Amino acid sequence: MISPTESTPVGAGLKTFSEPGSLEVASESIVVRIRWFGLILGAIVANLPGREWQSQATLDAILLLGLGYTLLDTWYSWLGKIFLSNQPLVISLAESVFIGLLCHFDIGPESIFRYYYLLSLLCCSLRHGRITSSLCCLFHWISFGVLLGIHPDKFGLVPLLTLVILAWLTWASQSLAGILRSARDSLIRINEALRTSQANLEGRIDERTRQLQSAQAMVLQQEKMAGFGLIAAGVAHEVGNPLTGISALVQILQKRQPDEYTGKKLDLISEQLTRIRSTLKELLEFSRPSARSPIRTTLRDILNEAINIAKYYKRTGGRIAIPDSVDFIPPFTAIRDELVQVFLNLLLNAIDASGPEGHVTLEHLSVPEGIQIAVVDDGPGVSVEILPKLFSPHTTTKRNGTGLGLFISRQVMVQQGGALHYDATSQGARFLVTMPISKIPVG
């Protein structure tokens, strides 16, 4: 039960208790039971044999008022509230008058109903603070004092002891209520600490889960690239051997001084063989193990290698051009192979998104963070449903895609001190690769 503080303003709203099973609910349950116990006991006493009918009817009428109040108090308690909680002194004063009338119409100060003062004080202490319970005790003293004044013949040791017991019970019940409130506050603090610890633990578990997913995705991508490298190296080796023999035969035929028509055809064959060897060389370069150490490189070299690999994908040909402005960017130190992989992933996604007749563009932008390369296509862009999880592992719209390209690319850029973002305001798809100024030394 959260009772109003001593400074609660008159007219404030009803106070409510905390969750079921708490100390507030337990103490409120005790208060309601005390009221019902006193009411039932009072009804039995008022209707004992030998009492005059007029006195019995008056006591029953007063107890009937008490029944109405007890019913309201019980109803509010079931609702998790306290009846007239913003006016505890009014309740205490009304109870003082109520008990005084019961004693007066019974036998005066020696009436068994005087014990209602004790029950009222106990209820007030359980519900309210020290000041309210102390004022409640004062009201009961005044009520009992008036009762003694009306029945001076009843003045004696027993009534005086009643006043002493009222004062003692006020002190004892305040101490008991203080212990209950202290225990409640301790439990609240412990509960809050447990909730905080639980939230922190759940956060750490989520973070570890994300890290595990990231590590698994990285391993999967590395295994995929390693497998591709082995296949590429094998293909290059198997094609390279026959190609060397064919090239040697062409050179022998060219030395025999063939006729003009045959010479032109042999020259054409030689050019195509050179082109095949260049392609195999690029394939072997891509299949070699990635260098994990930072090296001195240029942005044009990185973009050239990514484009040279991407041009064999879906016959893109020379559709992708590098902006001339990148030549003005000085060399910098970075893990070159990883940056090539980032731009290759973005270019392949752009080629898929734009379709056979679409266009893919590279743009060089100057930003406060350093330099920025935008990979832009004129495809349909990223759907609203995919956008929130665009860079999450295994997010893809391709039928045979793994959904790791963008995730790995962002991880690489973050590890190298850069960033990878998607520009949702652009037509089509526009991915921004940012490299920090610290990676781009001036001069």
Protein backbone atom coordinates (compact mmCIF):
# COMPACT_ATOMS: atom_id res chain seq x y z
CA MET A 1 0.00 0.00 0.00
CA ILE A 2 1.49 3.31 -0.99
CA SER A 3 -0.03 5.74 1.45
CA PRO A 4 -0.04 9.49 0.95
CA THR A 5 2.86 11.36 2.49
CA GLU A 6 2.38 13.96 5.20
CA SER A 7 2.70 16.71 2.57
CA THR A 8 0.00 15.31 0.28
CA PRO A 9 -2.25 18.25 -0.68
CA VAL A 10 -5.94 18.12 0.01
CA GLY A 11 -7.83 17.14 -3.11
CA ALA A 12 -5.07 14.93 -4.48
CA GLY A 13 -6.11 11.81 -6.33
CA LEU A 14 -6.56 8.39 -4.81
CA LYS A 15 -3.36 6.51 -4.09
CA THR A 16 -2.88 3.02 -5.49
CA PHE A 17 -0.72 0.15 -4.34
CA SER A 18 1.96 -1.61 -6.31
CA GLU A 19 1.80 -5.04 -7.94
CA PRO A 20 -0.09 -7.98 -6.30
CA GLY A 21 1.89 -9.86 -3.67
CA SER A 22 3.72 -6.74 -2.45
CA LEU A 23 3.96 -5.51 1.15
CA GLU A 24 1.50 -2.70 0.34
CA VAL A 25 -1.18 -5.22 -0.64
CA ALA A 26 -0.41 -7.36 2.42
CA SER A 27 -0.69 -4.44 4.87
CA GLU A 28 -3.89 -3.22 3.21
CA SER A 29 -5.35 -6.70 3.56
CA ILE A 30 -4.55 -6.57 7.29
CA VAL A 31 -6.36 -3.21 7.64
CA VAL A 32 -9.49 -4.51 5.91
CA ARG A 33 -9.54 -7.63 8.10
CA ILE A 34 -9.15 -5.54 11.26
CA ARG A 35 -12.15 -3.44 10.27
CA TRP A 36 -14.31 -6.50 9.58
CA PHE A 37 -13.20 -8.15 12.81
CA GLY A 38 -14.14 -5.06 14.84
CA LEU A 39 -17.47 -4.68 13.04
CA ILE A 40 -18.52 -8.31 13.57
CA LEU A 41 -17.38 -8.31 17.20
CA GLY A 42 -19.24 -5.05 17.81
CA ALA A 43 -22.46 -6.44 16.29
CA ILE A 44 -22.23 -9.46 18.61
CA VAL A 45 -21.62 -7.27 21.70
CA ALA A 46 -24.45 -4.87 20.80
CA ASN A 47 -26.94 -7.72 20.54
CA LEU A 48 -26.02 -9.67 23.65
CA PRO A 49 -29.02 -10.68 25.83
CA GLY A 50 -29.95 -8.38 28.71
CA ARG A 51 -29.44 -5.09 26.83
CA GLU A 52 -32.30 -2.59 26.62
CA TRP A 53 -34.02 -2.51 23.26
CA GLN A 54 -33.54 1.26 22.82
CA SER A 55 -29.80 1.04 23.53
CA GLN A 56 -29.47 -2.00 21.25
CA ALA A 57 -31.25 -0.25 18.37
CA THR A 58 -29.05 2.85 18.72
CA LEU A 59 -25.85 0.79 18.73
CA ASP A 60 -27.04 -1.21 15.70
CA ALA A 61 -27.77 2.04 13.84
CA ILE A 62 -24.29 3.38 14.57
CA LEU A 63 -22.73 0.03 13.60
CA LEU A 64 -24.75 0.12 10.38
CA LEU A 65 -22.90 3.34 9.47
CA GLY A 66 -19.65 1.53 10.23
CA LEU A 67 -20.76 -1.31 7.94
CA GLY A 68 -21.28 1.12 5.07
CA TYR A 69 -17.82 2.61 5.56
CA THR A 70 -16.23 -0.86 5.84
CA LEU A 71 -17.91 -1.98 2.61
CA LEU A 72 -16.61 1.09 0.78
CA ASP A 73 -13.13 0.61 2.23
CA THR A 74 -13.14 -3.05 1.16
CA TRP A 75 -14.34 -2.20 -2.35
CA TYR A 76 -11.62 0.40 -2.84
CA SER A 77 -9.08 -2.06 -1.46
CA TRP A 78 -10.08 -4.59 -4.14
CA LEU A 79 -9.58 -1.85 -6.72
CA GLY A 80 -6.05 -1.31 -5.40
CA LYS A 81 -6.91 2.05 -3.82
CA ILE A 82 -7.60 3.58 -0.39
CA PHE A 83 -10.96 5.19 0.29
CA LEU A 84 -10.51 8.95 0.91
CA SER A 85 -6.74 8.48 0.95
CA ASN A 86 -6.21 12.21 0.39
CA GLN A 87 -8.14 13.04 3.58
CA PRO A 88 -6.77 10.72 6.31
CA LEU A 89 -7.40 13.22 9.12
CA VAL A 90 -11.08 13.43 8.18
CA ILE A 91 -11.31 9.65 8.49
CA SER A 92 -9.49 9.71 11.85
CA LEU A 93 -11.78 12.43 13.20
CA ALA A 94 -14.89 10.58 11.98
CA GLU A 95 -13.68 7.36 13.62
CA SER A 96 -13.07 9.22 16.92
CA VAL A 97 -16.65 10.50 16.90
CA PHE A 98 -17.97 7.07 15.80
CA ILE A 99 -16.19 5.21 18.63
CA GLY A 100 -17.12 7.87 21.19
CA LEU A 101 -20.81 7.51 20.29
CA LEU A 102 -20.64 3.72 20.57
CA CYS A 103 -19.11 3.97 24.04
CA HIS A 104 -21.57 6.69 25.12
CA PHE A 105 -24.68 4.72 24.11
CA ASP A 106 -23.23 1.56 25.65
CA ILE A 107 -21.92 1.99 29.21
CA GLY A 108 -19.55 4.92 28.83
CA PRO A 109 -15.73 4.95 29.14
CA GLU A 110 -15.64 1.36 30.41
CA SER A 111 -17.43 0.04 27.31
CA ILE A 112 -15.76 -2.73 25.36
CA PHE A 113 -16.09 -0.47 22.32
CA ARG A 114 -13.20 1.63 23.68
CA TYR A 115 -10.88 -0.97 22.16
CA TYR A 116 -12.01 0.35 18.77
CA TYR A 117 -9.64 3.26 19.47
CA LEU A 118 -6.75 0.79 19.44
CA LEU A 119 -7.91 -0.86 16.20
CA SER A 120 -8.37 2.53 14.55
CA LEU A 121 -4.86 3.61 15.56
CA LEU A 122 -3.36 0.38 14.21
CA CYS A 123 -5.12 0.83 10.86
CA CYS A 124 -4.00 4.47 10.63
CA SER A 125 -0.35 3.57 11.36
CA LEU A 126 -0.34 0.82 8.74
CA ARG A 127 -1.75 3.15 6.12
CA HIS A 128 -0.23 6.53 6.90
CA GLY A 129 2.87 8.21 8.32
CA ARG A 130 3.91 9.22 11.81
CA ILE A 131 2.31 12.68 11.82
CA THR A 132 -1.08 11.38 10.68
CA SER A 133 -1.10 8.54 13.23
CA SER A 134 0.00 10.94 16.00
CA LEU A 135 -2.87 13.33 15.16
CA CYS A 136 -5.21 10.32 15.06
CA CYS A 137 -4.09 9.46 18.61
CA LEU A 138 -4.75 13.08 19.66
CA PHE A 139 -8.29 12.91 18.19
CA HIS A 140 -8.94 9.69 20.10
CA TRP A 141 -7.65 11.26 23.33
CA ILE A 142 -10.01 14.20 22.86
CA SER A 143 -12.89 11.85 22.04
CA PHE A 144 -12.20 9.74 25.14
CA GLY A 145 -11.70 12.88 27.24
CA VAL A 146 -15.12 14.19 26.18
CA LEU A 147 -16.55 10.77 27.02
CA LEU A 148 -15.04 11.00 30.52
CA GLY A 149 -16.52 14.48 30.89
CA ILE A 150 -19.98 13.19 30.00
CA HIS A 151 -19.62 10.25 32.40
CA PRO A 152 -17.64 11.64 35.36
CA ASP A 153 -18.80 8.79 37.56
CA LYS A 154 -16.81 6.39 35.36
CA PHE A 155 -13.51 8.21 35.93
CA GLY A 156 -10.91 5.81 37.35
CA LEU A 157 -7.78 3.77 36.77
CA VAL A 158 -9.13 1.78 33.82
CA PRO A 159 -10.00 4.83 31.70
CA LEU A 160 -6.64 6.41 32.51
CA LEU A 161 -4.88 3.21 31.43
CA THR A 162 -6.80 3.44 28.15
CA LEU A 163 -5.18 6.81 27.43
CA VAL A 164 -1.73 5.41 28.26
CA ILE A 165 -2.31 2.36 26.07
CA LEU A 166 -3.39 4.63 23.21
CA ALA A 167 -0.11 6.53 23.42
CA TRP A 168 1.95 3.34 23.70
CA LEU A 169 0.13 1.70 20.77
CA THR A 170 0.73 4.79 18.64
CA TRP A 171 4.47 4.53 19.24
CA ALA A 172 4.57 0.73 18.75
CA SER A 173 2.41 0.72 15.62
CA GLN A 174 4.48 3.55 14.11
CA SER A 175 7.63 1.50 14.68
CA LEU A 176 5.99 -1.58 13.15
CA ALA A 177 4.80 0.43 10.13
CA GLY A 178 8.29 1.93 9.78
CA ILE A 179 9.80 -1.56 9.67
CA LEU A 180 7.28 -2.63 7.01
CA ARG A 181 7.97 0.46 4.90
CA SER A 182 11.73 -0.02 5.25
CA ALA A 183 11.36 -3.65 4.13
CA ARG A 184 9.17 -2.49 1.25
CA ASP A 185 11.73 0.11 0.13
CA SER A 186 14.53 -2.46 0.35
CA LEU A 187 12.54 -4.93 -1.73
CA ILE A 188 11.80 -2.23 -4.30
CA ARG A 189 15.49 -1.36 -4.55
CA ILE A 190 16.47 -5.00 -4.84
CA ASN A 191 13.78 -5.56 -7.46
CA GLU A 192 14.97 -2.58 -9.48
CA ALA A 193 18.56 -3.80 -9.21
CA LEU A 194 17.48 -7.25 -10.42
CA ARG A 195 15.58 -5.72 -13.35
CA THR A 196 18.60 -3.60 -14.25
CA SER A 197 20.89 -6.61 -14.04
CA GLN A 198 18.48 -8.63 -16.14
CA ALA A 199 18.33 -5.90 -18.79
CA ASN A 200 22.13 -5.63 -18.81
CA LEU A 201 22.47 -9.41 -19.08
CA GLU A 202 19.97 -9.55 -21.93
CA GLY A 203 21.83 -6.72 -23.64
CA ARG A 204 25.15 -8.55 -23.29
CA ILE A 205 23.57 -11.76 -24.59
CA ASP A 206 22.16 -9.89 -27.60
CA GLU A 207 25.55 -8.28 -28.23
CA ARG A 208 27.35 -11.62 -27.99
CA THR A 209 24.75 -13.16 -30.31
CA ARG A 210 25.31 -10.42 -32.87
CA GLN A 211 29.07 -10.87 -32.57
CA LEU A 212 28.69 -14.62 -33.06
CA GLN A 213 26.49 -14.08 -36.11
CA SER A 214 29.04 -11.64 -37.48
CA ALA A 215 31.88 -14.09 -36.91
CA GLN A 216 29.92 -16.92 -38.53
CA ALA A 217 29.08 -14.72 -41.51
CA MET A 218 32.72 -13.68 -41.89
CA VAL A 219 33.87 -17.31 -41.75
CA LEU A 220 31.23 -18.33 -44.29
CA GLN A 221 32.28 -15.53 -46.64
CA GLN A 222 35.96 -16.40 -46.24
CA GLU A 223 35.26 -20.06 -46.96
CA LYS A 224 33.24 -19.06 -49.99
CA MET A 225 36.02 -16.83 -51.32
CA ALA A 226 38.65 -19.47 -50.58
CA GLY A 227 36.64 -22.05 -52.52
CA PHE A 228 36.22 -19.65 -55.39
CA GLY A 229 39.95 -18.93 -55.34
CA LEU A 230 40.79 -22.62 -55.59
CA ILE A 231 38.40 -23.06 -58.52
CA ALA A 232 39.73 -19.96 -60.25
CA ALA A 233 43.34 -21.09 -59.81
CA GLY A 234 42.49 -24.53 -61.14
CA VAL A 235 40.68 -23.14 -64.18
CA ALA A 236 43.52 -20.73 -64.91
CA HIS A 237 46.05 -23.56 -64.71
CA GLU A 238 44.06 -25.94 -66.90
CA VAL A 239 43.36 -23.28 -69.52
CA GLY A 240 46.85 -21.80 -69.33
CA ASN A 241 48.66 -24.95 -70.42
CA PRO A 242 46.76 -25.50 -73.71
CA LEU A 243 46.82 -21.74 -74.27
CA THR A 244 50.64 -21.73 -74.15
CA GLY A 245 50.74 -24.49 -76.78
CA ILE A 246 48.29 -22.69 -79.05
CA SER A 247 50.27 -19.45 -78.70
CA ALA A 248 53.49 -21.27 -79.65
CA LEU A 249 51.86 -22.78 -82.76
CA VAL A 250 50.58 -19.36 -83.86
CA GLN A 251 54.05 -17.86 -83.48
CA ILE A 252 55.54 -20.71 -85.58
CA LEU A 253 52.98 -20.14 -88.33
CA GLN A 254 53.60 -16.40 -88.27
CA LYS A 255 57.37 -17.00 -88.84
CA ARG A 256 56.65 -18.97 -92.06
CA GLN A 257 55.66 -15.77 -93.89
CA PRO A 258 52.03 -16.73 -94.66
CA ASP A 259 49.92 -14.96 -97.27
CA GLU A 260 48.15 -11.72 -96.41
CA TYR A 261 44.78 -13.29 -95.54
CA THR A 262 46.31 -16.00 -93.35
CA GLY A 263 48.62 -13.46 -91.69
CA LYS A 264 45.68 -11.26 -90.73
CA LYS A 265 43.84 -14.23 -89.23
CA LEU A 266 46.90 -15.31 -87.27
CA ASP A 267 47.33 -11.75 -85.96
CA LEU A 268 43.68 -11.78 -84.88
CA ILE A 269 44.19 -15.12 -83.13
CA SER A 270 47.30 -13.75 -81.41
CA GLU A 271 45.36 -10.71 -80.17
CA GLN A 272 42.60 -12.90 -78.76
CA LEU A 273 45.15 -15.16 -77.10
CA THR A 274 46.72 -12.08 -75.47
CA ARG A 275 43.28 -11.06 -74.25
CA ILE A 276 42.68 -14.53 -72.80
CA ARG A 277 46.06 -14.45 -71.03
CA SER A 278 45.18 -11.03 -69.57
CA THR A 279 41.89 -12.40 -68.30
CA LEU A 280 43.62 -15.41 -66.76
CA LYS A 281 46.14 -13.10 -65.11
CA GLU A 282 43.31 -11.07 -63.53
CA LEU A 283 41.64 -14.30 -62.45
CA LEU A 284 44.84 -15.51 -60.80
CA GLU A 285 45.30 -12.15 -59.10
CA PHE A 286 41.82 -12.38 -57.64
CA SER A 287 42.26 -16.01 -56.58
CA ARG A 288 45.43 -15.42 -54.57
CA PRO A 289 45.06 -15.23 -50.73
CA SER A 290 44.01 -11.80 -49.53
CA ALA A 291 46.71 -9.68 -47.95
CA ARG A 292 45.78 -8.70 -44.42
CA SER A 293 48.55 -6.16 -43.99
CA PRO A 294 48.03 -2.47 -44.90
CA ILE A 295 49.93 -1.42 -48.02
CA ARG A 296 50.43 1.79 -49.97
CA THR A 297 47.84 2.03 -52.74
CA THR A 298 45.67 4.43 -54.71
CA LEU A 299 41.93 4.66 -55.07
CA ARG A 300 42.17 4.31 -58.87
CA ASP A 301 44.06 1.01 -58.52
CA ILE A 302 41.40 -0.32 -56.14
CA LEU A 303 38.52 0.73 -58.40
CA ASN A 304 40.31 -0.56 -61.53
CA GLU A 305 40.74 -4.02 -60.06
CA ALA A 306 37.13 -4.18 -58.88
CA ILE A 307 35.86 -3.08 -62.31
CA ASN A 308 38.18 -5.50 -64.17
CA ILE A 309 36.67 -8.38 -62.22
CA ALA A 310 33.11 -7.09 -62.47
CA LYS A 311 33.27 -6.58 -66.26
CA TYR A 312 33.11 -10.35 -66.83
CA TYR A 313 29.87 -10.54 -64.86
CA LYS A 314 26.80 -10.57 -67.12
CA ARG A 315 28.85 -8.99 -69.94
CA THR A 316 28.93 -5.53 -68.43
CA GLY A 317 31.71 -4.53 -70.84
CA GLY A 318 32.81 -0.94 -70.44
CA ARG A 319 29.61 0.32 -68.85
CA ILE A 320 31.37 1.41 -65.62
CA ALA A 321 33.81 4.33 -65.69
CA ILE A 322 36.02 5.75 -62.96
CA PRO A 323 35.68 9.51 -62.31
CA ASP A 324 38.79 11.45 -63.37
CA SER A 325 38.78 13.32 -60.06
CA VAL A 326 40.04 10.23 -58.19
CA ASP A 327 43.45 10.81 -59.81
CA PHE A 328 43.88 13.84 -57.56
CA ILE A 329 43.56 11.71 -54.41
CA PRO A 330 47.08 10.96 -53.10
CA PRO A 331 48.15 7.41 -52.25
CA PHE A 332 47.12 6.11 -48.86
CA THR A 333 47.67 3.10 -46.62
CA ALA A 334 44.91 0.49 -46.32
CA ILE A 335 44.19 -3.23 -46.63
CA ARG A 336 43.84 -3.10 -50.40
CA ASP A 337 42.26 -6.52 -51.08
CA GLU A 338 39.45 -5.87 -48.61
CA LEU A 339 38.59 -2.52 -50.23
CA VAL A 340 38.58 -4.22 -53.65
CA GLN A 341 36.12 -6.78 -52.27
CA VAL A 342 33.87 -3.99 -50.92
CA PHE A 343 33.65 -2.18 -54.26
CA LEU A 344 33.27 -5.47 -56.15
CA ASN A 345 30.29 -6.46 -53.96
CA LEU A 346 28.65 -3.08 -54.54
CA LEU A 347 29.30 -3.18 -58.31
CA LEU A 348 27.89 -6.69 -58.70
CA ASN A 349 24.76 -5.71 -56.73
CA ALA A 350 24.37 -2.59 -58.90
CA ILE A 351 24.75 -4.64 -62.11
CA ASP A 352 22.08 -7.08 -60.94
CA ALA A 353 19.71 -4.29 -59.86
CA SER A 354 20.04 -2.19 -63.03
CA GLY A 355 19.47 -5.03 -65.49
CA PRO A 356 20.95 -5.55 -69.00
CA GLU A 357 19.98 -2.08 -70.22
CA GLY A 358 20.64 -0.21 -67.00
CA HIS A 359 23.52 2.00 -65.98
CA VAL A 360 25.99 1.87 -63.10
CA THR A 361 27.87 5.03 -62.12
CA LEU A 362 30.77 5.78 -59.81
CA GLU A 363 30.81 9.25 -58.25
CA HIS A 364 33.60 10.93 -56.28
CA LEU A 365 32.43 13.22 -53.47
CA SER A 366 34.33 15.39 -51.00
CA VAL A 367 32.94 15.25 -47.48
CA PRO A 368 34.21 16.54 -44.10
CA GLU A 369 34.93 12.96 -43.00
CA GLY A 370 37.40 12.39 -45.87
CA ILE A 371 36.58 11.08 -49.34
CA GLN A 372 33.46 9.33 -50.51
CA ILE A 373 32.72 7.11 -53.50
CA ALA A 374 29.09 6.56 -54.48
CA VAL A 375 28.06 3.43 -56.38
CA VAL A 376 24.82 4.33 -58.12
CA ASP A 377 22.45 2.30 -60.29
CA ASP A 378 19.15 3.16 -61.97
CA GLY A 379 17.33 0.05 -60.76
CA PRO A 380 14.21 -0.08 -58.55
CA GLY A 381 16.15 0.66 -55.34
CA VAL A 382 15.72 -1.00 -51.94
CA SER A 383 12.18 -1.73 -50.77
CA VAL A 384 10.87 -0.25 -47.53
CA GLU A 385 10.52 -3.75 -46.03
CA ILE A 386 14.18 -4.63 -46.64
CA LEU A 387 15.66 -1.23 -45.69
CA PRO A 388 15.74 -1.68 -41.85
CA LYS A 389 17.73 -4.94 -42.14
CA LEU A 390 19.69 -4.10 -45.29
CA PHE A 391 23.10 -4.60 -43.68
CA SER A 392 22.09 -7.60 -41.53
CA PRO A 393 23.47 -11.08 -42.28
CA HIS A 394 21.53 -13.26 -44.73
CA THR A 395 19.37 -10.41 -46.04
CA THR A 396 18.95 -10.74 -49.80
CA THR A 397 16.38 -10.46 -52.59
CA LYS A 398 18.40 -12.63 -55.00
CA ARG A 399 17.22 -16.16 -55.63
CA ASN A 400 20.67 -17.67 -55.11
CA GLY A 401 22.17 -14.92 -52.93
CA THR A 402 23.73 -15.53 -49.52
CA GLY A 403 22.88 -12.10 -48.13
CA LEU A 404 26.41 -11.59 -46.81
CA GLY A 405 27.88 -9.11 -49.31
CA LEU A 406 26.61 -5.87 -47.78
CA PHE A 407 27.08 -7.16 -44.24
CA ILE A 408 30.72 -8.11 -44.87
CA SER A 409 31.36 -4.87 -46.76
CA ARG A 410 30.14 -2.71 -43.89
CA GLN A 411 32.20 -4.75 -41.41
CA VAL A 412 35.30 -4.24 -43.55
CA MET A 413 34.76 -0.48 -43.79
CA VAL A 414 34.19 -0.15 -40.05
CA GLN A 415 37.36 -2.15 -39.31
CA GLN A 416 39.35 0.12 -41.62
CA GLY A 417 37.99 3.25 -39.97
CA GLY A 418 35.49 4.11 -42.71
CA ALA A 419 31.77 3.67 -43.24
CA LEU A 420 29.23 2.25 -45.69
CA HIS A 421 25.75 3.75 -45.91
CA TYR A 422 22.70 3.58 -48.13
CA ASP A 423 21.22 6.83 -49.43
CA ALA A 424 17.47 6.26 -49.24
CA THR A 425 16.70 9.68 -50.76
CA SER A 426 18.20 8.76 -54.13
CA GLN A 427 16.45 7.33 -57.18
CA GLY A 428 17.47 3.73 -57.72
CA ALA A 429 20.12 2.50 -55.30
CA ARG A 430 22.97 4.66 -54.04
CA PHE A 431 25.62 3.26 -51.70
CA LEU A 432 28.17 5.61 -50.13
CA VAL A 433 31.65 4.34 -49.21
CA THR A 434 33.39 6.81 -46.87
CA MET A 435 37.12 6.72 -46.11
CA PRO A 436 38.37 8.93 -43.26
CA ILE A 437 40.85 11.78 -43.73
CA SER A 438 43.37 10.01 -41.48
CA LYS A 439 43.68 7.32 -44.14
CA ILE A 440 44.36 9.90 -46.85
CA PRO A 441 47.63 11.70 -46.09
CA VAL A 442 48.04 15.06 -47.81
CA GLY A 443 51.06 15.60 -50.12
